[in-house]
Protein backbone atom coordinates (compact mmCIF):
# COMPACT_ATOMS: atom_id res chain seq x y z
CA UNK A 1 -12.61 -4.91 -26.04
CA UNK A 2 -12.71 -7.75 -23.62
CA UNK A 3 -11.93 -7.22 -19.98
CA UNK A 4 -8.69 -8.82 -18.80
CA UNK A 5 -10.23 -9.36 -15.36
CA UNK A 6 -12.12 -7.61 -12.63
CA UNK A 7 -11.43 -6.04 -9.29
CA UNK A 8 -12.12 -8.62 -6.53
CA UNK A 9 -10.57 -6.85 -3.56
CA UNK A 10 -9.73 -3.24 -2.61
CA UNK A 11 -7.41 -2.71 0.36
CA UNK A 12 -6.52 0.50 2.19
CA UNK A 13 -3.83 0.68 4.86
CA UNK A 14 -4.51 3.77 6.87
CA UNK A 15 -1.34 3.36 9.09
CA UNK A 16 1.82 2.44 7.25
CA UNK A 17 2.85 -1.22 8.03
CA UNK A 18 -0.34 -1.89 10.11
CA UNK A 19 -3.22 -4.10 9.02
CA UNK A 20 -5.30 -3.21 5.99
CA UNK A 21 -8.97 -2.76 5.60
CA UNK A 22 -10.87 -4.61 2.85
CA UNK A 23 -13.54 -2.29 1.40
CA UNK A 24 -16.23 -2.47 -1.32
CA UNK A 25 -15.31 0.86 -2.82
CA UNK A 26 -12.65 3.45 -2.25
CA UNK A 27 -12.42 7.11 -3.44
CA UNK A 28 -9.38 7.90 -5.63
CA UNK A 29 -7.09 10.89 -4.71
CA UNK A 30 -3.92 12.15 -6.31
CA UNK A 31 -1.93 10.23 -3.60
CA UNK A 32 -3.70 6.90 -3.89
CA UNK A 33 -6.95 5.66 -2.35
CA UNK A 34 -8.39 8.03 0.34
CA UNK A 35 -6.94 7.22 3.78
CA UNK A 36 -4.19 4.93 2.42
CA UNK A 37 -1.00 5.37 4.40
CA UNK A 38 -2.10 8.73 5.73
CA UNK A 39 -0.57 7.88 9.16
CA UNK A 40 2.63 6.27 10.28
CA UNK A 41 4.42 5.50 13.45
CA UNK A 42 7.82 7.13 13.95
CA UNK A 43 10.70 6.64 16.36
CA UNK A 44 12.47 9.34 18.45
CA UNK A 45 14.47 10.41 15.33
CA UNK A 46 11.30 10.84 13.27
CA UNK A 47 11.93 7.80 11.11
CA UNK A 48 9.13 5.52 10.08
CA UNK A 49 8.72 2.22 11.84
CA UNK A 50 7.74 -0.67 9.49
CA UNK A 51 7.26 -4.34 9.91
CA UNK A 52 10.80 -4.80 8.57
CA UNK A 53 12.06 -3.77 12.01
CA UNK A 54 8.90 -3.95 14.06
CA UNK A 55 6.90 -7.02 13.02
CA UNK A 56 4.44 -6.51 15.87
CA UNK A 57 2.85 -3.80 13.70
CA UNK A 58 1.31 -6.64 11.70
CA UNK A 59 -1.06 -7.23 14.66
CA UNK A 60 -2.32 -3.62 14.85
CA UNK A 61 -5.95 -3.48 13.52
CA UNK A 62 -7.47 -0.31 12.20
CA UNK A 63 -11.16 0.49 12.01
CA UNK A 64 -12.51 3.54 10.20
CA UNK A 65 -16.23 4.60 10.04
CA UNK A 66 -17.87 2.68 7.18
CA UNK A 67 -18.92 5.97 5.62
CA UNK A 68 -15.23 7.09 5.39
CA UNK A 69 -15.07 5.30 2.07
CA UNK A 70 -18.06 7.05 0.53
CA UNK A 71 -17.23 9.77 -1.87
CA UNK A 72 -17.24 13.28 -0.45
CA UNK A 73 -17.52 12.16 3.21
CA UNK A 74 -15.88 14.52 5.66
CA UNK A 75 -15.19 13.64 9.35
CA UNK A 76 -17.19 15.24 12.06
CA UNK A 77 -16.17 15.89 15.71
CA UNK A 78 -17.41 12.38 16.49
CA UNK A 79 -15.50 10.46 13.68
CA UNK A 80 -12.73 8.25 14.98
CA UNK A 81 -10.12 5.81 13.72
CA UNK A 82 -10.08 3.02 16.30
CA UNK A 83 -6.77 1.14 16.75
CA UNK A 84 -6.56 -2.21 18.49
CA UNK A 85 -3.65 -4.66 19.29
CA UNK A 86 -3.26 -7.75 21.45
CA UNK A 87 -3.05 -6.84 25.16
CA UNK A 88 -3.90 -3.17 24.55
CA UNK A 89 -6.98 -1.02 25.25
CA UNK A 90 -8.55 0.32 22.01
CA UNK A 91 -7.11 3.75 21.09
CA UNK A 92 -9.50 6.24 19.47
CA UNK A 93 -7.97 8.86 17.17
CA UNK A 94 -10.25 11.80 16.03
CA UNK A 95 -10.33 11.92 12.31
CA UNK A 96 -10.51 15.70 12.20
CA UNK A 97 -7.00 16.98 11.75
CA UNK A 98 -4.73 17.59 14.83
CA UNK A 99 -3.01 20.99 15.08
CA UNK A 100 0.32 19.96 16.56
CA UNK A 101 3.26 19.69 14.10
CA UNK A 102 6.00 17.13 14.20
CA UNK A 103 9.11 18.32 12.29
CA UNK A 104 11.93 16.17 10.84
CA UNK A 105 9.70 13.23 9.99
CA UNK A 106 11.12 10.85 7.33
CA UNK A 107 10.21 7.91 5.24
CA UNK A 108 12.85 6.47 2.97
CA UNK A 109 14.31 9.36 0.90
CA UNK A 110 11.67 11.95 1.98
CA UNK A 111 11.64 14.15 4.95
CA UNK A 112 9.31 16.98 6.07
CA UNK A 113 6.83 17.84 8.76
CA UNK A 114 3.68 15.96 9.68
CA UNK A 115 0.71 16.42 12.01
CA UNK A 116 1.34 14.88 15.42
CA UNK A 117 -1.57 12.84 16.89
CA UNK A 118 -0.56 13.70 20.44
CA UNK A 119 0.45 12.17 23.82
CA UNK A 120 -2.21 9.44 24.16
CA UNK A 121 -1.27 7.87 20.74
CA UNK A 122 2.42 8.32 21.51
CA UNK A 123 2.10 6.43 24.83
CA UNK A 124 -0.08 3.73 23.27
CA UNK A 125 2.49 2.86 20.57
CA UNK A 126 5.44 3.35 22.93
CA UNK A 127 3.88 0.77 25.33
CA UNK A 128 2.95 -1.56 22.51
CA UNK A 129 6.32 -1.50 20.77
CA UNK A 130 8.39 -1.01 23.93
CA UNK A 131 10.28 1.91 22.42
CA UNK A 132 9.69 5.60 22.01
CA UNK A 133 6.99 6.18 19.35
CA UNK A 134 4.68 8.78 17.90
CA UNK A 135 1.73 8.55 15.54
CA UNK A 136 1.83 11.18 12.81
CA UNK A 137 -0.54 12.10 10.01
CA UNK A 138 0.45 13.32 6.52
CA UNK A 139 -0.02 17.07 6.15
CA UNK A 140 -1.23 17.60 2.58
CA UNK A 141 -1.52 21.34 3.12
CA UNK A 142 2.17 21.90 3.69
CA UNK A 143 3.94 18.85 2.15
CA UNK A 144 4.32 17.21 -1.24
CA UNK A 145 6.00 13.81 -1.50
CA UNK A 146 6.91 13.10 -5.13
CA UNK A 147 7.13 9.68 -6.61
CA UNK A 148 10.51 8.71 -8.13
CA UNK A 149 10.60 10.97 -11.22
CA UNK A 150 12.61 8.35 -13.10
CA UNK A 151 9.44 6.18 -13.16
CA UNK A 152 6.48 8.57 -12.75
CA UNK A 153 7.34 12.21 -13.00
CA UNK A 154 4.71 14.59 -11.50
CA UNK A 155 2.99 11.91 -9.41
CA UNK A 156 2.67 12.16 -5.60
CA UNK A 157 2.02 9.85 -2.65
CA UNK A 158 1.65 10.01 1.12
CA UNK A 159 3.47 7.53 3.42
CA UNK A 160 3.46 4.45 1.03
CA UNK A 161 6.90 3.05 0.25
CA UNK A 162 6.96 4.73 -3.09
CA UNK A 163 3.80 4.71 -5.28
CA UNK A 164 0.11 5.59 -4.92
CA UNK A 165 -1.23 2.22 -5.99
CA UNK A 166 -0.04 -1.41 -6.11
CA UNK A 167 -1.93 -4.00 -8.16
CA UNK A 168 -1.59 -7.81 -7.98
CA UNK A 169 -3.54 -10.60 -9.58
CA UNK A 170 -5.15 -13.58 -7.93
CA UNK A 171 -3.57 -15.62 -10.70
CA UNK A 172 -0.08 -14.72 -9.57
CA UNK A 173 -0.91 -15.49 -5.91
CA UNK A 174 -2.37 -18.89 -7.00
CA UNK A 175 0.62 -19.76 -9.12
CA UNK A 176 2.95 -18.95 -6.26
CA UNK A 177 0.83 -20.93 -3.72
CA UNK A 178 0.98 -24.06 -6.01
CA UNK A 179 4.77 -24.02 -5.33
CA UNK A 180 4.65 -23.48 -1.56
CA UNK A 181 4.25 -26.22 1.02
CA UNK A 182 2.06 -23.83 3.04
CA UNK A 183 0.09 -21.37 0.96
CA UNK A 184 0.15 -17.69 1.97
CA UNK A 185 -2.78 -15.26 1.98
CA UNK A 186 -2.91 -12.05 0.04
CA UNK A 187 -2.19 -10.00 3.17
CA UNK A 188 1.50 -10.92 2.89
CA UNK A 189 1.79 -8.74 -0.17
CA UNK A 190 -0.27 -5.60 0.81
CA UNK A 191 -1.74 -4.73 -2.58
CA UNK A 192 -4.31 -1.97 -3.01
CA UNK A 193 -6.08 -3.62 -5.97
CA UNK A 194 -6.50 -7.34 -6.40
CA UNK A 195 -7.61 -8.42 -9.93
CA UNK A 196 -8.98 -11.88 -10.86
CA UNK A 197 -9.56 -13.46 -14.31
CA UNK A 198 -6.13 -12.89 -15.94
CA UNK A 199 -3.26 -15.25 -16.43
CA UNK A 200 -0.58 -15.47 -13.64
CA UNK A 201 1.84 -12.59 -13.69
CA UNK A 202 0.15 -10.89 -16.63
CA UNK A 203 0.10 -7.68 -14.57
CA UNK A 204 3.93 -7.54 -15.11
CA UNK A 205 3.35 -6.40 -18.66
CA UNK A 206 0.50 -3.99 -18.13
CA UNK A 207 1.74 -0.43 -18.90
CA UNK A 208 -1.70 1.03 -19.22
CA UNK A 209 -5.08 -0.23 -17.97
CA UNK A 210 -8.52 1.14 -17.61
CA UNK A 211 -10.52 0.36 -14.41
CA UNK A 212 -14.02 1.70 -14.36
CA UNK A 213 -13.41 4.97 -16.29
CA UNK A 214 -9.91 5.66 -14.91
CA UNK A 215 -6.63 5.14 -16.65
CA UNK A 216 -3.79 3.67 -14.64
CA UNK A 217 -0.15 3.32 -15.73
CA UNK A 218 1.95 0.37 -14.63
CA UNK A 219 5.24 2.22 -13.88
CA UNK A 220 7.48 -0.21 -12.06
CA UNK A 221 7.40 -3.91 -11.11
CA UNK A 222 7.00 -4.11 -7.34
CA UNK A 223 10.27 -5.29 -5.78
CA UNK A 224 9.70 -7.12 -2.46
CA UNK A 225 11.38 -6.69 0.87
CA UNK A 226 11.10 -9.15 3.80
CA UNK A 227 7.56 -8.20 4.76
CA UNK A 228 5.97 -11.04 2.75
CA UNK A 229 7.88 -13.46 5.08
CA UNK A 230 6.01 -12.13 8.12
CA UNK A 231 2.89 -14.06 9.15
CA UNK A 232 0.28 -11.28 9.39
CA UNK A 233 -1.66 -13.17 12.06
CA UNK A 234 1.26 -13.81 14.45
CA UNK A 235 4.01 -11.30 13.53
CA UNK A 236 6.45 -14.28 13.12
CA UNK A 237 8.86 -14.39 10.18
CA UNK A 238 9.97 -17.37 8.16
CA UNK A 239 11.85 -18.02 4.91
CA UNK A 240 8.85 -18.29 2.64
CA UNK A 241 7.47 -17.04 0.30
CA UNK A 242 10.67 -15.21 -0.51
CA UNK A 243 12.84 -18.26 -0.96
CA UNK A 244 10.45 -19.58 -3.62
CA UNK A 245 10.10 -16.12 -5.21
CA UNK A 246 13.92 -16.05 -5.60
CA UNK A 247 13.62 -19.19 -7.75
CA UNK A 248 10.83 -17.92 -10.03
CA UNK A 249 10.65 -14.09 -9.73
CA UNK A 250 14.16 -12.78 -9.39
CA UNK A 251 15.61 -10.30 -11.86
CA UNK A 252 18.08 -13.09 -12.86
CA UNK A 253 15.14 -15.22 -13.89
CA UNK A 254 12.73 -12.49 -15.24
CA UNK A 255 15.29 -9.95 -16.65
CA UNK A 256 18.47 -11.90 -17.55
CA UNK A 257 19.65 -9.28 -20.03
CA UNK A 258 19.03 -6.29 -17.77
CA UNK A 259 21.15 -4.80 -14.91
CA UNK A 260 20.99 -7.19 -11.95
CA UNK A 261 19.94 -5.73 -8.60
CA UNK A 262 19.29 -8.95 -6.69
CA UNK A 263 15.59 -8.15 -6.34
CA UNK A 264 12.46 -10.27 -6.43
CA UNK A 265 9.31 -8.94 -8.03
CA UNK A 266 5.67 -9.49 -7.28
CA UNK A 267 2.91 -7.03 -8.37
CA UNK A 268 2.92 -3.82 -10.33
CA UNK A 269 3.24 -0.24 -8.91
CA UNK A 270 0.68 2.03 -10.57
CA UNK A 271 -0.28 5.64 -10.89
CA UNK A 272 -3.58 7.15 -12.05
CA UNK A 273 -3.39 9.36 -15.09
CA UNK A 274 -6.72 11.21 -14.55
CA UNK A 275 -7.27 14.53 -12.80
CA UNK A 276 -8.49 13.34 -9.41
CA UNK A 277 -8.72 16.70 -7.76
CA UNK A 278 -11.95 17.95 -9.41
CA UNK A 279 -15.44 16.63 -10.13
CA UNK A 280 -17.15 13.68 -8.57
CA UNK A 281 -17.57 9.95 -9.39
CA UNK A 282 -13.83 9.34 -8.55
CA UNK A 283 -14.37 5.86 -6.93
CA UNK A 284 -13.19 2.36 -7.69
CA UNK A 285 -15.62 -0.48 -6.81
CA UNK A 286 -15.47 -4.24 -6.41
CA UNK A 287 -16.45 -5.84 -9.63
CA UNK A 288 -15.07 -3.06 -11.83
CA UNK A 289 -13.73 -4.52 -15.04
CA UNK A 290 -10.07 -4.10 -15.97
CA UNK A 291 -9.22 -3.39 -19.61
CA UNK A 292 -5.55 -3.60 -20.77
CA UNK A 293 -4.94 -0.61 -23.08
CA UNK A 294 -1.08 -1.00 -23.47
CA UNK A 295 1.37 -3.68 -22.58
CA UNK A 296 4.83 -4.84 -23.15
CA UNK A 297 5.75 -8.39 -24.25
CA UNK A 298 7.38 -9.60 -21.03
CA UNK A 299 8.68 -8.69 -17.60
CA UNK A 300 12.08 -8.16 -19.11
CA UNK A 301 10.71 -5.13 -20.98
CA UNK A 302 8.86 -3.66 -18.05
CA UNK A 303 10.28 -0.92 -15.90
CA UNK A 304 11.68 -2.25 -12.65
């Protein structure tokens, strides 16, 4: 079987809606790549802040120890996540788990409790955003956040919008950029896995792929909110690329015979079918080939 492409970038976003980290390998867990969306910033009602309402989050940079992406690594007392933003002192968050609990935390349809990263982090984000904020960490010991069972029953995630993985192809980005006056970088779309070598938008049709030795299911076309319109270097929003995506990637264009939801699609939400809790060698690497095991004929046939 010939590979459809290979993995050319792996991105992990430790704090929801803040900047991602590009890595050469990432351990797989049942909720997605390790450290992905394990933290989020919440308001005084416990609801997640995202770039939709707080575009300044785009400028928040995260640094983890390089060894955090090695398989089996565990934090020590001197392991920190370092958070930086314009005009702010660097904030160091110990990677060993905090013991304070924040109750009534919510992201979209889910609510539960989370681990609270404390006063210093709260003050830092409150000062940066200019409104009451706390930094919380997903508590895997006490909580389970299921993926929408209509699309992927039995799968779980942390603080991502809805799915453990999102895959996008370089071909799709290149095809979009040919239509834009000003090309946009991949960071507008926040994928976890970027694949090159396939035709534009072929990931729409992938219902089952093998990457390295792991089987991933494409479970739902990724519908896009306004975050792609936010310049990730400045935090400023504009009309593109969403205006162009409406012309070429709306459900009206891609799925004319299906129920219309007024959505635009770019990328494929994925789940991993393997048991990721036991054994070792559960890592994706740059350069891993991608084999398509099952696919549908078009985006109109894909789940969305």
